[in-house]
Amino acid sequence: MSAAPEWGRSKRFAYAQVFVCIAASIAWWWRSLASTLQLAASSDAYTYILLIVPVSLALIYLEISPYAAETRSERWVGGILLAAALLLPLVTARRPLPLSGSDGLALSMSALVIFWIGSVILCFGIQILKS
């Protein structure tokens, strides 16, 4: 058996892992996502938010190298980012600092983005970000 089919299975498994992480994050941060989308839909000043996901996905699709995910090195960095992203809402929920609603939403969305970056690093290795 050649290495190519093995890499294909490994690559599909990594994509499945990322999909599961993203689905879990959407469930975990559902309120923040809904608040952000409501803000974008109700205020002309924030309509650009609606373009972030499609433009980001298009750039990823156009720029990703097919060999970028071959090395799964330094995955521990992804684990640290995932832990930080999960701890950030817990720390802010204890209200050590007085935060306004928009500040809390910004921190929550930052944690979500950190979680997504950590998920990609955990599943594919840090090399995927360098491609």
C-alpha atoms as a PDB file:
ATOM      1  CA  MET A   1       0.000   0.000   0.000  1.00  0.00           C
ATOM      2  CA  SER A   2       1.371   3.413  -0.903  1.00  0.00           C
ATOM      3  CA  ALA A   3       1.651   6.466   1.332  1.00  0.00           C
ATOM      4  CA  ALA A   4      -0.773   8.545  -0.770  1.00  0.00           C
ATOM      5  CA  PRO A   5      -3.974   6.697   0.266  1.00  0.00           C
ATOM      6  CA  GLU A   6      -2.844   6.778   3.896  1.00  0.00           C
ATOM      7  CA  TRP A   7      -2.309  10.536   3.665  1.00  0.00           C
ATOM      8  CA  GLY A   8      -5.727  10.912   2.054  1.00  0.00           C
ATOM      9  CA  ARG A   9      -7.402   9.171   5.003  1.00  0.00           C
ATOM     10  CA  SER A  10      -5.375  11.205   7.475  1.00  0.00           C
ATOM     11  CA  LYS A  11      -6.243  14.428   5.683  1.00  0.00           C
ATOM     12  CA  ARG A  12      -9.958  13.571   5.631  1.00  0.00           C
ATOM     13  CA  PHE A  13      -9.800  12.758   9.336  1.00  0.00           C
ATOM     14  CA  ALA A  14      -8.137  16.119  10.052  1.00  0.00           C
ATOM     15  CA  TYR A  15     -10.855  17.932   8.087  1.00  0.00           C
ATOM     16  CA  ALA A  16     -13.506  15.984  10.015  1.00  0.00           C
ATOM     17  CA  GLN A  17     -11.858  17.000  13.296  1.00  0.00           C
ATOM     18  CA  VAL A  18     -11.877  20.667  12.291  1.00  0.00           C
ATOM     19  CA  PHE A  19     -15.533  20.395  11.276  1.00  0.00           C
ATOM     20  CA  VAL A  20     -16.423  18.895  14.670  1.00  0.00           C
ATOM     21  CA  CYS A  21     -14.492  21.646  16.473  1.00  0.00           C
ATOM     22  CA  ILE A  22     -16.230  24.366  14.456  1.00  0.00           C
ATOM     23  CA  ALA A  23     -19.654  22.806  15.036  1.00  0.00           C
ATOM     24  CA  ALA A  24     -18.951  22.578  18.776  1.00  0.00           C
ATOM     25  CA  SER A  25     -17.768  26.178  18.852  1.00  0.00           C
ATOM     26  CA  ILE A  26     -20.929  27.385  17.112  1.00  0.00           C
ATOM     27  CA  ALA A  27     -22.983  25.594  19.763  1.00  0.00           C
ATOM     28  CA  TRP A  28     -20.806  26.978  22.593  1.00  0.00           C
ATOM     29  CA  TRP A  29     -20.757  30.574  21.325  1.00  0.00           C
ATOM     30  CA  TRP A  30     -24.281  30.609  19.849  1.00  0.00           C
ATOM     31  CA  ARG A  31     -25.461  33.624  21.854  1.00  0.00           C
ATOM     32  CA  SER A  32     -22.458  35.718  20.857  1.00  0.00           C
ATOM     33  CA  LEU A  33     -22.825  34.768  17.201  1.00  0.00           C
ATOM     34  CA  ALA A  34     -26.539  35.601  17.248  1.00  0.00           C
ATOM     35  CA  SER A  35     -25.860  38.953  18.946  1.00  0.00           C
ATOM     36  CA  THR A  36     -23.176  39.791  16.408  1.00  0.00           C
ATOM     37  CA  LEU A  37     -25.397  38.892  13.458  1.00  0.00           C
ATOM     38  CA  GLN A  38     -28.258  40.889  14.959  1.00  0.00           C
ATOM     39  CA  LEU A  39     -25.947  43.878  15.373  1.00  0.00           C
ATOM     40  CA  ALA A  40     -24.746  43.538  11.774  1.00  0.00           C
ATOM     41  CA  ALA A  41     -28.287  43.290  10.441  1.00  0.00           C
ATOM     42  CA  SER A  42     -29.651  46.195  12.464  1.00  0.00           C
ATOM     43  CA  SER A  43     -26.895  48.780  12.080  1.00  0.00           C
ATOM     44  CA  ASP A  44     -25.407  50.074   8.845  1.00  0.00           C
ATOM     45  CA  ALA A  45     -22.128  50.724  10.648  1.00  0.00           C
ATOM     46  CA  TYR A  46     -21.647  46.970  11.211  1.00  0.00           C
ATOM     47  CA  THR A  47     -22.839  45.442   7.918  1.00  0.00           C
ATOM     48  CA  TYR A  48     -19.222  44.634   6.977  1.00  0.00           C
ATOM     49  CA  ILE A  49     -19.391  41.843   9.572  1.00  0.00           C
ATOM     50  CA  LEU A  50     -21.600  39.904   7.164  1.00  0.00           C
ATOM     51  CA  LEU A  51     -18.729  39.807   4.631  1.00  0.00           C
ATOM     52  CA  ILE A  52     -16.041  38.450   6.957  1.00  0.00           C
ATOM     53  CA  VAL A  53     -16.904  34.751   6.735  1.00  0.00           C
ATOM     54  CA  PRO A  54     -17.475  34.500   2.951  1.00  0.00           C
ATOM     55  CA  VAL A  55     -14.364  36.533   2.130  1.00  0.00           C
ATOM     56  CA  SER A  56     -12.266  34.533   4.603  1.00  0.00           C
ATOM     57  CA  LEU A  57     -13.476  31.216   3.172  1.00  0.00           C
ATOM     58  CA  ALA A  58     -12.774  32.396  -0.375  1.00  0.00           C
ATOM     59  CA  LEU A  59      -9.232  33.442   0.552  1.00  0.00           C
ATOM     60  CA  ILE A  60      -8.587  30.151   2.308  1.00  0.00           C
ATOM     61  CA  TYR A  61      -9.863  28.208  -0.710  1.00  0.00           C
ATOM     62  CA  LEU A  62      -7.774  30.208  -3.174  1.00  0.00           C
ATOM     63  CA  GLU A  63      -4.545  30.396  -1.187  1.00  0.00           C
ATOM     64  CA  ILE A  64      -4.180  27.092   0.640  1.00  0.00           C
ATOM     65  CA  SER A  65      -1.395  24.892  -0.598  1.00  0.00           C
ATOM     66  CA  PRO A  66      -2.304  21.229  -1.137  1.00  0.00           C
ATOM     67  CA  TYR A  67       0.838  20.227   0.759  1.00  0.00           C
ATOM     68  CA  ALA A  68       0.413  22.695   3.611  1.00  0.00           C
ATOM     69  CA  ALA A  69      -1.207  20.202   5.937  1.00  0.00           C
ATOM     70  CA  GLU A  70       1.341  17.420   5.441  1.00  0.00           C
ATOM     71  CA  THR A  71       3.258  18.152   8.619  1.00  0.00           C
ATOM     72  CA  ARG A  72       1.333  17.901  11.836  1.00  0.00           C
ATOM     73  CA  SER A  73       4.004  19.483  13.975  1.00  0.00           C
ATOM     74  CA  GLU A  74       3.650  21.542  17.116  1.00  0.00           C
ATOM     75  CA  ARG A  75       0.005  20.644  17.635  1.00  0.00           C
ATOM     76  CA  TRP A  76       0.377  21.499  21.325  1.00  0.00           C
ATOM     77  CA  VAL A  77       0.152  25.179  20.341  1.00  0.00           C
ATOM     78  CA  GLY A  78      -3.395  24.499  19.148  1.00  0.00           C
ATOM     79  CA  GLY A  79      -4.239  22.876  22.466  1.00  0.00           C
ATOM     80  CA  ILE A  80      -3.018  25.915  24.371  1.00  0.00           C
ATOM     81  CA  LEU A  81      -5.103  28.214  22.159  1.00  0.00           C
ATOM     82  CA  LEU A  82      -8.182  26.027  22.638  1.00  0.00           C
ATOM     83  CA  ALA A  83      -7.735  26.093  26.400  1.00  0.00           C
ATOM     84  CA  ALA A  84      -7.257  29.869  26.403  1.00  0.00           C
ATOM     85  CA  ALA A  85     -10.350  30.345  24.244  1.00  0.00           C
ATOM     86  CA  LEU A  86     -12.448  28.222  26.587  1.00  0.00           C
ATOM     87  CA  LEU A  87     -11.094  29.915  29.716  1.00  0.00           C
ATOM     88  CA  LEU A  88     -11.594  33.486  28.484  1.00  0.00           C
ATOM     89  CA  PRO A  89     -15.420  33.437  28.750  1.00  0.00           C
ATOM     90  CA  LEU A  90     -15.215  31.757  32.139  1.00  0.00           C
ATOM     91  CA  VAL A  91     -12.868  34.429  33.469  1.00  0.00           C
ATOM     92  CA  THR A  92     -14.953  37.275  32.068  1.00  0.00           C
ATOM     93  CA  ALA A  93     -18.132  35.715  33.488  1.00  0.00           C
ATOM     94  CA  ARG A  94     -16.717  36.208  36.991  1.00  0.00           C
ATOM     95  CA  ARG A  95     -16.575  39.958  36.200  1.00  0.00           C
ATOM     96  CA  PRO A  96     -13.112  40.854  37.529  1.00  0.00           C
ATOM     97  CA  LEU A  97     -13.411  44.006  35.420  1.00  0.00           C
ATOM     98  CA  PRO A  98     -16.575  45.960  34.762  1.00  0.00           C
ATOM     99  CA  LEU A  99     -17.323  45.338  31.074  1.00  0.00           C
ATOM    100  CA  SER A 100     -20.010  46.895  28.958  1.00  0.00           C
ATOM    101  CA  GLY A 101     -22.182  44.692  26.769  1.00  0.00           C
ATOM    102  CA  SER A 102     -20.172  45.499  23.666  1.00  0.00           C
ATOM    103  CA  ASP A 103     -16.882  44.800  25.451  1.00  0.00           C
ATOM    104  CA  GLY A 104     -18.181  41.412  26.575  1.00  0.00           C
ATOM    105  CA  LEU A 105     -19.332  40.630  23.047  1.00  0.00           C
ATOM    106  CA  ALA A 106     -15.940  41.613  21.635  1.00  0.00           C
ATOM    107  CA  LEU A 107     -14.141  39.364  24.139  1.00  0.00           C
ATOM    108  CA  SER A 108     -16.480  36.490  23.377  1.00  0.00           C
ATOM    109  CA  MET A 109     -15.992  36.819  19.626  1.00  0.00           C
ATOM    110  CA  SER A 110     -12.222  37.071  20.147  1.00  0.00           C
ATOM    111  CA  ALA A 111     -12.357  33.821  22.106  1.00  0.00           C
ATOM    112  CA  LEU A 112     -14.294  32.218  19.239  1.00  0.00           C
ATOM    113  CA  VAL A 113     -11.691  33.269  16.673  1.00  0.00           C
ATOM    114  CA  ILE A 114      -8.886  32.030  18.957  1.00  0.00           C
ATOM    115  CA  PHE A 115     -10.757  28.727  19.263  1.00  0.00           C
ATOM    116  CA  TRP A 116     -11.019  28.389  15.481  1.00  0.00           C
ATOM    117  CA  ILE A 117      -7.319  29.148  14.988  1.00  0.00           C
ATOM    118  CA  GLY A 118      -6.434  26.681  17.738  1.00  0.00           C
ATOM    119  CA  SER A 119      -8.652  24.025  16.133  1.00  0.00           C
ATOM    120  CA  VAL A 120      -6.882  24.359  12.788  1.00  0.00           C
ATOM    121  CA  ILE A 121      -3.455  24.194  14.440  1.00  0.00           C
ATOM    122  CA  LEU A 122      -4.485  21.212  16.570  1.00  0.00           C
ATOM    123  CA  CYS A 123      -5.771  19.267  13.574  1.00  0.00           C
ATOM    124  CA  PHE A 124      -3.215  20.202  10.916  1.00  0.00           C
ATOM    125  CA  GLY A 125      -0.174  21.496  12.784  1.00  0.00           C
ATOM    126  CA  ILE A 126       1.325  24.974  12.890  1.00  0.00           C
ATOM    127  CA  GLN A 127       2.736  24.567   9.381  1.00  0.00           C
ATOM    128  CA  ILE A 128      -0.721  25.174   7.876  1.00  0.00           C
ATOM    129  CA  LEU A 129      -0.554  28.816   9.001  1.00  0.00           C
ATOM    130  CA  LYS A 130       2.854  29.320   7.420  1.00  0.00           C
ATOM    131  CA  SER A 131       1.755  28.267   3.932  1.00  0.00           C
END
